[in-house]
Protein backbone atom coordinates (compact mmCIF):
# COMPACT_ATOMS: atom_id res chain seq x y z
CA MET A 1 133.94 -112.83 68.43
CA MET A 2 131.47 -112.53 71.43
CA ASN A 3 133.05 -115.29 73.68
CA ILE A 4 130.52 -116.93 76.26
CA ALA A 5 131.11 -115.36 79.46
CA ASP A 6 130.36 -111.54 77.14
CA GLU A 7 126.84 -113.22 76.21
CA ILE A 8 126.10 -114.70 79.18
CA LYS A 9 126.55 -110.69 80.45
CA GLY A 10 124.66 -109.60 77.47
CA ARG A 11 121.38 -112.02 78.21
CA CYS A 12 121.63 -111.66 81.67
CA ASN A 13 119.98 -108.28 81.99
CA ILE A 14 121.89 -107.56 85.55
CA VAL A 15 118.95 -106.09 87.36
CA ASP A 16 116.40 -108.96 86.94
CA VAL A 17 119.35 -111.34 88.14
CA ILE A 18 119.88 -109.38 91.31
CA GLY A 19 116.01 -107.74 92.03
CA ARG A 20 115.54 -111.51 92.92
CA LEU A 21 117.67 -111.35 95.73
CA VAL A 22 117.81 -107.26 96.73
CA PRO A 23 114.84 -105.31 96.13
CA LEU A 24 115.50 -102.28 93.84
CA LYS A 25 113.87 -99.53 93.66
CA LYS A 26 114.47 -96.91 90.61
CA ALA A 27 116.83 -94.13 91.24
CA GLY A 28 117.32 -91.89 88.45
CA ALA A 29 119.42 -93.71 85.82
CA HIS A 30 120.24 -96.45 88.60
CA TYR A 31 118.92 -98.40 90.85
CA LYS A 32 118.80 -99.13 94.54
CA GLY A 33 118.55 -101.01 97.33
CA LEU A 34 120.06 -102.68 100.86
CA CYS A 35 123.29 -104.25 100.21
CA PRO A 36 123.55 -108.12 100.41
CA PHE A 37 127.08 -108.09 101.18
CA HIS A 38 127.01 -105.60 104.76
CA ASN A 39 124.71 -104.82 106.84
CA GLU A 40 123.19 -101.13 106.65
CA LYS A 41 119.91 -99.16 107.30
CA THR A 42 120.29 -96.61 104.31
CA PRO A 43 120.86 -97.88 100.74
CA SER A 44 123.96 -97.75 99.34
CA PHE A 45 123.99 -100.76 96.65
CA THR A 46 123.43 -99.07 92.93
CA VAL A 47 122.74 -101.42 89.52
CA SER A 48 123.18 -99.50 86.29
CA GLU A 49 121.57 -101.17 83.78
CA GLU A 50 123.35 -99.48 81.25
CA LYS A 51 126.77 -100.61 82.26
CA GLN A 52 125.12 -103.72 83.64
CA ARG A 53 127.58 -103.42 86.93
CA PHE A 54 126.72 -103.01 91.05
CA ILE A 55 128.17 -101.28 93.04
CA CYS A 56 128.21 -100.82 97.08
CA TYR A 57 129.57 -97.38 98.23
CA GLY A 58 129.53 -98.82 101.83
CA CYS A 59 131.67 -101.50 101.62
CA GLY A 60 133.23 -101.58 98.22
CA ALA A 61 131.43 -104.51 96.52
CA ALA A 62 131.19 -104.18 92.84
CA GLY A 63 130.98 -106.44 90.25
CA ASP A 64 129.08 -108.22 87.09
CA VAL A 65 126.51 -110.49 87.22
CA ILE A 66 128.53 -113.25 87.19
CA SER A 67 130.65 -111.68 90.13
CA PHE A 68 127.16 -111.20 91.91
CA VAL A 69 125.91 -114.95 91.51
CA GLN A 70 129.63 -115.94 92.72
CA ARG A 71 129.37 -113.90 96.07
CA THR A 72 125.99 -114.57 96.62
CA GLN A 73 125.72 -117.88 95.71
CA ASN A 74 129.38 -119.30 97.28
CA LEU A 75 130.52 -120.33 93.84
CA SER A 76 133.22 -120.25 91.30
CA PHE A 77 133.57 -118.08 88.54
CA LEU A 78 132.88 -121.56 86.41
CA GLU A 79 129.90 -122.74 88.36
CA ALA A 80 127.95 -119.30 88.16
CA ALA A 81 128.83 -118.25 84.71
CA GLU A 82 127.40 -122.25 83.74
CA LYS A 83 124.31 -121.42 86.19
CA LEU A 84 123.75 -118.54 84.62
CA ALA A 85 124.31 -119.95 80.98
CA GLU A 86 121.92 -122.68 81.85
CA GLU A 87 118.85 -120.28 83.24
CA TYR A 88 119.22 -118.08 80.24
CA GLY A 89 119.27 -120.96 77.49
CA ILE A 90 122.89 -120.42 76.46
CA GLU A 91 125.20 -122.77 74.95
CA TRP A 92 127.75 -123.70 77.40
CA ASN A 93 130.87 -124.12 75.98
CA ARG A 94 133.56 -125.28 78.76
CA GLY A 95 136.59 -125.47 76.83
CA ALA A 96 135.99 -121.33 76.35
CA PHE A 97 137.15 -121.22 79.84
CA ASP A 98 139.85 -123.44 79.88
CA THR A 99 142.29 -120.62 81.72
CA GLU A 100 139.47 -119.33 84.53
CA SER A 101 139.01 -123.02 84.89
CA LYS A 102 142.85 -123.91 85.51
CA ARG A 103 142.97 -120.87 88.26
CA SER A 104 139.91 -122.11 89.80
CA ALA A 105 141.82 -125.72 89.90
CA TYR A 106 144.64 -123.62 91.81
CA TYR A 107 142.17 -121.86 93.93
CA GLU A 108 140.87 -125.24 94.78
CA ILE A 109 143.88 -126.72 95.97
CA ASN A 110 144.60 -123.55 98.30
CA ARG A 111 141.28 -124.31 99.78
CA GLU A 112 141.81 -127.46 100.21
CA ALA A 113 145.20 -127.04 101.68
CA ALA A 114 143.37 -124.53 104.17
CA THR A 115 140.87 -126.54 104.97
CA PHE A 116 143.66 -129.13 105.90
CA PHE A 117 146.05 -126.82 107.71
CA TYR A 118 142.73 -125.82 109.90
CA ARG A 119 141.57 -129.20 110.56
CA ALA A 120 144.78 -130.16 112.62
CA PHE A 121 144.58 -127.16 114.37
CA ARG A 122 141.45 -128.00 115.81
CA SER A 123 141.64 -131.77 115.58
CA ALA A 124 143.39 -132.24 118.87
CA ARG A 125 145.81 -130.46 121.21
CA ASN A 126 148.71 -129.27 119.26
CA PRO A 127 151.61 -126.66 119.75
CA ALA A 128 150.43 -124.33 117.32
CA LEU A 129 146.95 -124.66 119.22
CA SER A 130 149.10 -123.93 122.62
CA TYR A 131 151.21 -121.22 121.29
CA MET A 132 148.02 -118.87 119.61
CA ALA A 133 146.35 -119.37 123.20
CA GLY A 134 149.13 -118.41 125.08
CA ARG A 135 148.83 -114.97 122.51
CA GLY A 136 145.46 -114.56 124.40
CA LEU A 137 143.56 -115.17 120.77
CA ASP A 138 139.99 -116.69 121.71
CA ASP A 139 137.98 -119.44 119.28
CA ALA A 140 136.10 -117.04 117.13
CA VAL A 141 138.80 -114.71 116.35
CA LEU A 142 141.11 -117.91 114.90
CA LYS A 143 138.21 -119.04 113.24
CA LYS A 144 137.61 -115.32 111.74
CA PHE A 145 140.85 -115.91 110.09
CA GLY A 146 141.29 -119.10 109.59
CA VAL A 147 144.78 -120.14 111.20
CA GLY A 148 146.00 -123.61 110.64
CA TYR A 149 148.72 -125.85 111.89
CA ALA A 150 151.05 -127.67 109.58
CA ASP A 151 152.49 -130.29 111.88
CA GLY A 152 156.06 -131.67 111.68
CA GLU A 153 155.91 -134.41 109.80
CA TRP A 154 157.52 -134.34 106.02
CA ASP A 155 154.86 -135.14 103.72
CA SER A 156 151.22 -134.40 105.49
CA LEU A 157 150.36 -132.44 103.04
CA TYR A 158 151.80 -133.75 99.76
CA ARG A 159 149.90 -137.61 101.07
CA HIS A 160 147.00 -135.91 101.36
CA PHE A 161 146.82 -134.30 97.99
CA THR A 162 148.47 -137.34 96.41
CA ASP A 163 145.76 -139.51 97.52
CA LYS A 164 143.12 -137.28 96.16
CA GLY A 165 144.95 -138.06 92.94
CA VAL A 166 146.00 -133.91 92.84
CA ASP A 167 149.32 -133.58 90.26
CA GLU A 168 152.20 -132.84 92.65
CA LYS A 169 153.64 -130.18 89.54
CA LEU A 170 150.46 -128.34 90.38
CA LEU A 171 151.66 -128.64 94.45
CA LEU A 172 155.27 -127.80 93.25
CA GLU A 173 153.96 -124.31 91.32
CA LEU A 174 151.18 -123.22 94.22
CA GLY A 175 154.28 -123.72 96.53
CA LEU A 176 152.86 -125.81 99.21
CA VAL A 177 155.97 -128.59 98.82
CA SER A 178 159.34 -128.47 97.75
CA SER A 179 161.65 -131.18 95.89
CA SER A 180 164.68 -131.89 96.44
CA LYS A 181 166.83 -135.26 94.50
CA GLY A 182 163.58 -136.31 92.90
CA ARG A 183 161.16 -136.12 96.10
CA CYS A 184 158.87 -134.19 96.52
CA TYR A 185 158.16 -132.75 100.84
CA ASP A 186 156.06 -130.20 102.45
CA LYS A 187 157.25 -126.99 102.52
CA TYR A 188 155.47 -126.30 105.35
CA ARG A 189 156.62 -128.11 108.61
CA ASN A 190 155.63 -127.51 112.35
CA ARG A 191 154.21 -123.72 111.79
CA VAL A 192 150.72 -121.74 112.71
CA MET A 193 149.07 -121.52 109.28
CA PHE A 194 147.85 -118.15 108.31
CA PRO A 195 146.03 -118.40 104.85
CA ILE A 196 145.84 -115.43 102.65
CA ILE A 197 143.19 -114.68 100.98
CA ASN A 198 141.89 -112.19 98.28
CA THR A 199 139.19 -109.32 98.39
CA ARG A 200 137.38 -111.54 96.20
CA GLY A 201 137.31 -114.63 99.15
CA LYS A 202 139.78 -116.89 97.42
CA VAL A 203 143.25 -118.85 98.83
CA VAL A 204 145.79 -117.50 97.14
CA GLY A 205 148.34 -118.23 99.33
CA PHE A 206 150.10 -118.66 102.78
CA GLY A 207 151.56 -117.54 105.58
CA GLY A 208 153.96 -119.92 107.84
CA ARG A 209 155.51 -118.94 111.36
CA VAL A 210 157.75 -121.05 113.03
CA LEU A 211 156.90 -123.02 116.31
CA ASP A 212 160.83 -123.73 117.12
CA ASP A 213 163.77 -121.91 116.22
CA ALA A 214 164.08 -122.85 112.94
CA LEU A 215 164.33 -120.32 110.38
CA PRO A 216 162.90 -118.09 108.56
CA LYS A 217 160.68 -117.15 111.69
CA TYR A 218 158.11 -116.39 108.86
CA LEU A 219 157.11 -118.22 105.79
CA ASN A 220 155.30 -116.78 103.13
CA SER A 221 154.08 -118.53 99.31
CA SER A 222 156.55 -117.97 96.34
CA ASP A 223 154.57 -115.74 94.06
CA SER A 224 152.38 -118.13 91.50
CA ARG A 225 149.37 -117.78 88.63
CA ILE A 226 147.45 -116.67 91.05
CA PHE A 227 149.28 -114.93 93.52
CA LYS A 228 151.94 -111.95 93.87
CA LYS A 229 152.64 -110.81 97.55
CA LYS A 230 153.12 -106.81 95.54
CA ASP A 231 149.63 -107.09 94.86
CA ASN A 232 147.71 -108.19 97.73
CA LEU A 233 147.05 -107.05 101.51
CA TYR A 234 146.86 -109.37 104.20
CA ALA A 235 142.89 -109.62 106.08
CA LEU A 236 141.64 -106.76 103.51
CA HIS A 237 138.57 -109.30 102.87
CA VAL A 238 138.16 -109.53 106.34
CA THR A 239 138.67 -105.47 107.46
CA ARG A 240 137.76 -104.05 104.28
CA GLN A 241 134.39 -102.78 104.98
CA GLU A 242 135.30 -101.48 108.59
CA ILE A 243 138.25 -99.38 106.79
CA ALA A 244 135.61 -97.42 104.13
CA LYS A 245 133.79 -97.28 107.56
CA GLU A 246 136.32 -95.73 109.45
CA ASP A 247 137.80 -93.75 106.19
CA CYS A 248 140.87 -95.06 107.46
CA ALA A 249 143.80 -98.00 107.44
CA ILE A 250 145.85 -99.11 110.25
CA LEU A 251 148.82 -100.47 107.98
CA CYS A 252 151.04 -103.26 110.49
CA GLU A 253 153.84 -105.48 109.51
CA GLY A 254 152.60 -109.06 110.08
CA TYR A 255 150.06 -111.07 110.69
CA MET A 256 149.42 -111.75 114.40
CA ASP A 257 149.68 -107.39 114.77
CA VAL A 258 146.50 -107.72 112.42
CA ILE A 259 144.58 -110.64 114.63
CA SER A 260 145.53 -109.43 118.41
CA LEU A 261 144.25 -106.07 116.93
CA TYR A 262 140.96 -107.52 115.48
CA ARG A 263 140.88 -109.59 118.74
CA HIS A 264 141.00 -106.66 120.72
CA GLY A 265 138.10 -104.24 118.89
CA VAL A 266 140.54 -102.52 116.28
CA ARG A 267 139.46 -103.63 113.09
CA ASN A 268 140.30 -100.71 110.08
CA VAL A 269 143.29 -103.15 109.91
CA THR A 270 145.87 -104.97 107.58
CA ALA A 271 149.11 -105.75 106.89
CA SER A 272 151.85 -105.90 103.98
CA LEU A 273 152.58 -109.66 104.12
CA GLY A 274 155.58 -108.98 106.11
CA THR A 275 157.25 -107.33 102.76
CA ALA A 276 158.28 -104.06 101.96
CA LEU A 277 155.15 -102.01 101.10
CA THR A 278 154.65 -101.99 97.35
CA ALA A 279 153.08 -99.19 95.11
CA GLU A 280 150.45 -101.81 94.20
CA GLN A 281 149.14 -102.12 97.72
CA ALA A 282 149.04 -98.62 98.11
CA ALA A 283 146.30 -98.36 95.13
CA MET A 284 144.62 -101.23 96.59
CA LEU A 285 144.52 -99.88 99.98
CA LYS A 286 142.96 -96.34 98.66
CA ARG A 287 140.45 -97.50 96.87
CA TYR A 288 138.71 -98.12 100.66
CA THR A 289 140.02 -94.90 101.88
CA GLU A 290 142.57 -92.59 101.38
CA ASN A 291 143.74 -92.20 105.45
CA ALA A 292 146.39 -94.18 106.53
CA VAL A 293 148.25 -95.26 110.09
CA LEU A 294 151.39 -97.24 109.73
CA ALA A 295 151.58 -99.14 112.71
CA TYR A 296 154.87 -100.89 112.11
CA ASP A 297 157.44 -102.43 114.54
CA SER A 298 159.06 -100.01 117.25
CA ASP A 299 162.26 -101.03 116.44
CA GLN A 300 165.09 -100.34 114.11
CA ALA A 301 163.60 -102.30 111.34
CA GLY A 302 160.26 -101.37 111.81
CA ARG A 303 160.93 -97.80 111.69
CA ALA A 304 162.90 -98.24 108.33
CA ALA A 305 160.18 -100.17 107.01
CA ALA A 306 157.74 -97.15 107.82
CA GLU A 307 160.21 -94.42 106.26
CA ARG A 308 159.76 -96.33 102.73
CA GLY A 309 156.27 -97.23 103.51
CA MET A 310 155.18 -93.29 104.50
CA ASP A 311 156.73 -92.26 100.66
CA ILE A 312 154.66 -94.94 98.37
CA LEU A 313 151.32 -94.10 100.43
CA ARG A 314 152.04 -90.66 100.11
CA ASP A 315 152.65 -91.28 96.05
CA ALA A 316 149.67 -93.04 95.62
CA GLY A 317 147.73 -89.95 97.28
CA CYS A 318 147.20 -91.08 100.86
CA LYS A 319 147.21 -88.81 103.50
CA VAL A 320 149.54 -90.73 106.17
CA ARG A 321 150.35 -90.97 109.32
CA VAL A 322 152.92 -93.27 111.44
CA LEU A 323 152.51 -94.08 115.10
CA ARG A 324 155.14 -94.06 117.86
CA MET A 325 155.09 -96.43 120.45
CA THR A 326 156.94 -96.54 123.70
CA GLY A 327 156.57 -99.01 126.28
CA ALA A 328 155.61 -102.23 123.38
CA LYS A 329 158.07 -103.27 120.52
CA ASP A 330 154.98 -104.00 118.23
CA PRO A 331 151.15 -103.34 118.57
CA ASP A 332 150.13 -106.79 119.22
CA GLU A 333 152.18 -106.28 122.76
CA TYR A 334 151.15 -102.46 122.65
CA VAL A 335 147.09 -103.76 122.91
CA LYS A 336 147.64 -106.45 125.25
CA ALA A 337 149.75 -104.26 127.30
CA TYR A 338 147.33 -101.41 127.73
CA GLY A 339 143.76 -101.76 125.35
CA ARG A 340 141.97 -100.85 122.89
CA GLU A 341 140.89 -97.18 124.09
CA ALA A 342 144.71 -96.95 124.68
CA PHE A 343 146.03 -97.57 121.13
CA LEU A 344 142.99 -96.07 119.49
CA GLU A 345 144.26 -92.90 121.24
CA LEU A 346 148.04 -93.64 120.26
CA ALA A 347 147.04 -93.78 116.52
CA ALA A 348 144.46 -90.73 116.71
CA ARG A 349 147.80 -88.61 117.89
CA ALA A 350 149.77 -90.43 115.59
CA PRO A 351 151.81 -87.67 113.69
CA SER A 352 151.74 -86.47 110.12
CA LEU A 353 154.24 -87.39 107.67
CA THR A 354 155.79 -84.60 107.83
CA GLU A 355 155.74 -83.96 111.87
CA TYR A 356 157.19 -87.62 111.66
CA LYS A 357 159.94 -87.26 109.59
CA LEU A 358 160.99 -83.72 111.23
CA ALA A 359 160.51 -85.20 114.20
CA ALA A 360 163.33 -88.13 113.25
CA ALA A 361 165.75 -85.20 111.58
CA ARG A 362 165.40 -84.24 115.12
CA GLU A 363 166.62 -86.99 117.02
CA HIS A 364 170.17 -86.79 118.29
CA CYS A 365 170.64 -83.00 116.96
CA ASP A 366 171.53 -81.12 120.39
CA LEU A 367 169.33 -77.50 119.46
CA SER A 368 171.22 -76.01 122.51
CA THR A 369 174.31 -76.19 120.61
CA THR A 370 174.89 -73.84 117.04
CA ASP A 371 176.13 -77.62 115.42
CA GLY A 372 173.08 -79.17 116.57
CA SER A 373 171.02 -76.88 115.19
CA LEU A 374 172.81 -76.22 111.87
CA ALA A 375 172.77 -80.03 111.48
CA PHE A 376 168.86 -80.22 112.43
CA LEU A 377 167.96 -77.64 110.32
CA LYS A 378 169.79 -78.85 106.92
CA ARG A 379 167.81 -82.45 107.54
CA ALA A 380 164.78 -80.38 108.34
CA ALA A 381 165.23 -78.26 104.58
CA ALA A 382 165.28 -81.52 102.99
CA VAL A 383 161.70 -82.85 104.19
CA LEU A 384 160.57 -79.24 103.50
CA ARG A 385 161.45 -79.33 100.09
CA ASP A 386 158.70 -82.14 99.04
CA LEU A 387 156.55 -80.14 100.54
CA SER A 388 153.72 -77.08 98.42
CA PRO A 389 155.00 -73.49 99.36
CA VAL A 390 151.40 -72.80 101.59
CA GLU A 391 152.49 -76.57 103.89
CA ALA A 392 156.24 -75.45 103.76
CA ASP A 393 155.22 -72.17 104.98
CA VAL A 394 153.59 -73.22 108.39
CA TYR A 395 156.57 -75.73 109.35
CA ILE A 396 159.00 -72.26 108.34
CA ARG A 397 157.40 -70.92 111.15
CA LYS A 398 157.55 -73.09 113.49
CA LEU A 399 161.42 -74.33 112.60
CA ALA A 400 162.32 -70.62 112.90
CA ASP A 401 160.59 -70.47 116.74
CA GLU A 402 162.27 -73.63 117.49
CA ALA A 403 165.41 -73.38 116.18
CA HIS A 404 165.80 -68.90 116.67
CA VAL A 405 166.61 -68.70 113.06
CA SER A 406 164.92 -66.58 110.85
CA GLU A 407 162.26 -67.74 108.49
CA GLY A 408 164.28 -65.74 105.58
CA ALA A 409 167.10 -68.30 106.27
CA ILE A 410 165.62 -71.02 106.27
CA ARG A 411 164.17 -70.44 103.09
CA ARG A 412 167.04 -70.37 101.86
CA GLU A 413 168.12 -73.57 103.22
CA VAL A 414 165.32 -74.94 101.83
CA TRP A 415 164.91 -73.27 97.65
CA GLY A 416 168.41 -71.71 97.47
CA ALA A 417 169.82 -68.67 97.58
CA ASP A 418 166.69 -65.97 96.83
CA GLY A 419 164.24 -68.41 98.55
CA ALA A 420 162.11 -68.43 95.35
CA ARG A 421 159.38 -70.81 96.15
CA ALA A 422 158.42 -68.51 99.37
CA SER A 423 158.68 -64.94 97.90
CA ALA A 424 156.23 -62.64 97.40
CA PRO A 425 155.62 -63.31 93.25
CA VAL A 426 154.43 -66.60 94.08
CA ARG A 427 151.42 -65.33 95.91
CA ALA A 428 149.27 -65.23 93.36
CA PRO A 429 149.41 -68.28 91.63
CA SER A 430 148.45 -69.67 95.58
CA ALA A 431 145.51 -67.87 95.05
CA VAL A 432 144.95 -70.12 91.57
CA ARG A 433 145.02 -73.01 93.65
CA ARG A 434 142.39 -71.67 96.22
CA ARG A 435 140.34 -70.53 93.70
CA ALA A 436 140.43 -73.73 91.20
CA ASP A 437 136.91 -74.50 92.07
CA GLY A 438 136.13 -71.16 89.61
CA GLY A 439 135.31 -69.14 91.89
CA ASP A 440 134.86 -65.61 90.85
CA GLU A 441 137.11 -62.48 91.94
CA SER A 442 134.68 -59.39 92.56
CA ALA A 443 134.62 -58.39 88.74
CA GLY A 444 134.49 -61.84 87.13
CA GLY A 445 137.14 -64.81 86.14
CA THR A 446 138.91 -66.58 88.11
CA MET A 447 142.22 -66.08 89.28
CA LEU A 448 143.90 -68.22 87.06
CA GLU A 449 141.99 -66.33 84.17
CA ARG A 450 142.79 -63.24 85.83
CA ILE A 451 146.66 -64.48 85.60
CA PHE A 452 146.58 -65.17 82.35
CA ILE A 453 144.89 -62.40 80.62
CA ARG A 454 147.52 -59.81 82.73
CA LEU A 455 150.33 -61.73 81.33
CA MET A 456 148.82 -61.86 77.53
CA LEU A 457 148.62 -58.02 78.26
CA LEU A 458 152.37 -57.61 79.67
CA SER A 459 153.54 -59.00 76.52
CA GLY A 460 151.80 -60.53 73.30
CA ALA A 461 154.51 -62.77 73.11
CA TYR A 462 152.03 -64.90 75.91
CA ILE A 463 149.33 -64.92 73.81
CA ASP A 464 150.43 -68.32 71.46
CA ARG A 465 152.08 -69.44 74.94
CA ILE A 466 148.77 -69.54 76.44
CA LYS A 467 146.54 -71.10 73.95
CA PRO A 468 147.51 -75.00 74.62
CA TYR A 469 145.59 -73.69 77.75
CA GLU A 470 142.28 -72.40 76.40
CA LYS A 471 140.58 -74.79 78.07
CA ALA A 472 140.97 -72.42 81.15
CA PHE A 473 139.13 -69.67 80.43
CA SER A 474 135.89 -70.83 81.86
CA THR A 475 133.78 -67.83 82.19
CA PRO A 476 132.30 -65.91 79.38
CA SER A 477 133.64 -62.73 80.13
CA ALA A 478 137.40 -64.08 80.47
CA PHE A 479 136.47 -65.94 77.62
CA LYS A 480 135.65 -63.00 75.19
CA ILE A 481 138.89 -61.05 76.30
CA TYR A 482 141.09 -64.09 75.61
CA SER A 483 139.47 -64.42 71.76
CA ALA A 484 139.85 -60.87 71.55
CA LEU A 485 143.35 -60.71 71.98
CA THR A 486 144.29 -63.94 69.67
CA ALA A 487 142.18 -61.78 67.29
CA LEU A 488 143.97 -58.31 67.76
CA CYS A 489 147.30 -59.80 68.54
CA ALA A 490 149.51 -57.83 65.69
CA ASP A 491 152.58 -59.80 63.84
CA ASP A 492 154.63 -58.02 65.82
CA GLY A 493 153.33 -59.65 68.98
CA GLU A 494 151.43 -56.27 70.05
CA VAL A 495 148.17 -55.65 71.18
CA ASP A 496 146.54 -52.63 70.04
CA MET A 497 145.03 -51.56 73.16
CA ARG A 498 142.33 -48.91 71.89
CA LYS A 499 141.15 -51.93 69.45
CA LEU A 500 140.96 -54.48 71.93
CA GLU A 501 138.65 -51.96 74.26
CA ASP A 502 136.47 -51.21 71.48
CA ALA A 503 135.38 -54.98 71.10
CA LEU A 504 134.53 -55.57 74.48
CA ASP A 505 131.82 -54.18 75.88
CA GLY A 506 129.83 -54.08 79.51
CA PRO A 507 130.92 -57.08 82.21
CA ASP A 508 134.03 -57.66 79.69
CA ARG A 509 135.41 -53.84 79.69
CA ALA A 510 135.11 -53.53 83.44
CA LEU A 511 136.56 -57.37 84.03
CA LEU A 512 139.37 -55.80 81.75
CA PHE A 513 140.03 -52.67 83.48
CA ASP A 514 139.89 -54.69 86.46
CA ILE A 515 142.29 -57.03 85.47
CA ARG A 516 144.94 -54.20 84.38
CA GLU A 517 144.23 -52.25 87.86
CA LYS A 518 144.44 -54.92 90.42
CA VAL A 519 146.61 -57.97 89.13
CA GLN A 520 150.18 -57.19 89.88
CA LEU A 521 152.90 -59.41 89.19
CA ALA A 522 156.00 -57.78 90.57
CA ASP A 523 158.31 -58.17 87.68
CA LYS A 524 158.06 -62.20 87.65
CA ASP A 525 156.46 -62.75 85.18
CA GLU A 526 158.02 -65.91 84.10
CA ALA A 527 157.57 -67.30 87.47
CA VAL A 528 153.78 -66.80 87.55
CA PHE A 529 153.60 -68.06 83.87
CA ALA A 530 155.24 -71.34 84.87
CA GLU A 531 153.42 -71.99 88.37
CA CYS A 532 150.15 -71.34 86.68
CA VAL A 533 151.00 -73.97 83.70
CA LYS A 534 151.88 -76.13 87.17
CA THR A 535 148.52 -75.78 88.63
CA LEU A 536 146.68 -76.52 85.49
CA ARG A 537 148.85 -79.98 84.95
CA LEU A 538 148.43 -80.88 88.46
CA SER A 539 144.53 -80.63 88.09
CA ALA A 540 144.71 -82.78 84.61
CA LEU A 541 146.93 -85.41 86.57
CA THR A 542 144.39 -85.29 89.62
CA ASP A 543 141.38 -85.49 87.27
CA ARG A 544 142.59 -88.75 85.89
CA GLU A 545 143.97 -89.94 88.95
CA ARG A 546 140.40 -90.14 90.31
CA GLU A 547 139.08 -91.25 87.36
CA ILE A 548 141.32 -94.05 87.48
CA VAL A 549 140.56 -94.93 91.11
CA ARG A 550 136.91 -95.23 90.27
CA MET A 551 137.31 -97.49 87.19
CA LEU A 552 139.30 -100.05 90.00
CA THR A 553 137.25 -99.53 92.35
CA VAL A 554 134.15 -101.02 90.26
CA ALA A 555 136.82 -103.17 88.31
CA ASN A 556 136.44 -107.20 88.90
CA ASP A 557 139.96 -108.19 89.57
CA GLU A 558 139.97 -111.66 88.19
CA GLU A 559 137.66 -111.54 85.47
CA ASN A 560 139.15 -107.96 84.44
CA LYS A 561 143.01 -108.61 85.56
CA GLU A 562 144.71 -107.28 82.29
CA ARG A 563 142.68 -104.23 82.11
CA VAL A 564 143.09 -103.69 86.33
CA ASP A 565 147.10 -104.24 85.67
CA THR A 566 146.88 -101.55 83.03
CA LEU A 567 144.79 -98.85 85.13
CA THR A 568 147.20 -99.85 88.28
CA ARG A 569 150.72 -98.82 86.60
CA GLU A 570 148.53 -95.93 85.02
CA LEU A 571 147.69 -94.78 88.45
CA ILE A 572 151.31 -95.54 89.77
CA GLY A 573 152.50 -93.56 86.82
CA ILE A 574 150.60 -90.85 87.56
CA GLN A 575 151.34 -90.25 90.84
CA ARG A 576 154.94 -90.05 90.37
CA GLU A 577 154.15 -87.87 87.66
CA ILE A 578 152.30 -86.02 90.63
CA LYS A 579 155.18 -85.66 93.17
CA GLU A 580 157.82 -84.61 90.47
CA VAL A 581 155.17 -81.82 89.14
CA LYS A 582 155.23 -81.03 92.76
CA GLY A 583 158.53 -80.73 93.81
CA ARG A 584 159.32 -78.34 90.29
């Protein structure tokens, strides 16, 4: 049975609704216009009448007809749905939205709490205002992030809500108050308050920084029905457009780093809510960019967090660089001491993940001594095992020069006694990767097709093993040779070459002769076959990864939470499998 939300989406043509506000022009199967959510001169806002969805490829905004009305008219989901139902004569059943209505109640309580803290911050001189002024933050940026103040009283917020008739059970569920011996009291006291707002503009939680010597220094909202730390990034609702525009995210540890960098003009910034970076946060970030610079604190704890975070980002498919600061303990301190341009230059020069790991492996190793060089090379080998053969080869050459050790010795340390992954027979599969776009050799056929055919010519046993991958034969001549080989394979697994040649003509026969003459596998048939299969598996996984990322980009996080969670879990699993396949 169709629920009322589905009925609204089915009855309200998204092109008509959006067209009232945004001038749209037909562009192929879609409509295009200037995005109402950010300033642009070239249209990147696309509306699909077939799918009844909109997406902006400039700022990442996406959704359906209800979410469009929500965003443009600053309404809750329930209010937007009710408005559309009234306009299109759809019978309204408020009970159909009981679950969403309860979520809306939670959002409204958090919004009211954020307003309460903000007013306290603005109402008179107070320790929070003095503290933030002392940190060099001006009024405009404090307003931008909705910074507030929780006073030192035990029940200010609690009394504010009970006076409004709000059930204390809801306050406890959201973590705004705590209870002891049957009495409720404010969870946040004498703290600067940072509202945590999701990408839909909803206040989902809070972070509070203490203003005295009390512990903990930072206190975050506990998980609730509308908030999970692992699923959110601080200030992404403010900075995601800049992240997409710069095609790079600077990822910090805490609230103050983000606000301070933003204050100094570094806008493509976000933070992981003071917790270890999670796979869900990495997947969320990848919706806006594949490039990330980790700008964690320079102390030991910050470096440890960066080392954990860089692998999580890499597994999510991001290109990771790690900022190394000297003369400051964190980004906030650095940008205030040296300025925006110095920070941006530092970020631009940030080493890649591999370079950072090799530098860490080099620390405390005296390369002028034999023992120091050996210790470094063993640590470096562990880093290189995670790389593809081509990537590893580049670093092996550098390490050989630096440590005055032969390249062969380093290869053996990385891949074992025979240095198998870097040996000559693997060069053909490397070419497969280089030609994965289907580019032809001089006589036709992709490199992968040519290798598969060569394997079948060497031994009929490969014919049955290659059949599951017959979709790899995408060029006509190669597919004809493959079809002829499978048809002419005898019961003993051998192929009559004369019959094979007779079954082919023109360019097909020329390709067969060219493969027999030029594709040599150096007696490493099995290793080459395994590498080809690995390449195909990686290609399939990568295609699915891109497809999921596209679906997540246009998904409405609130309306399709279950679907988004399922896709995110699948994405994490695929990225984990990609890592495993690459490591084989």
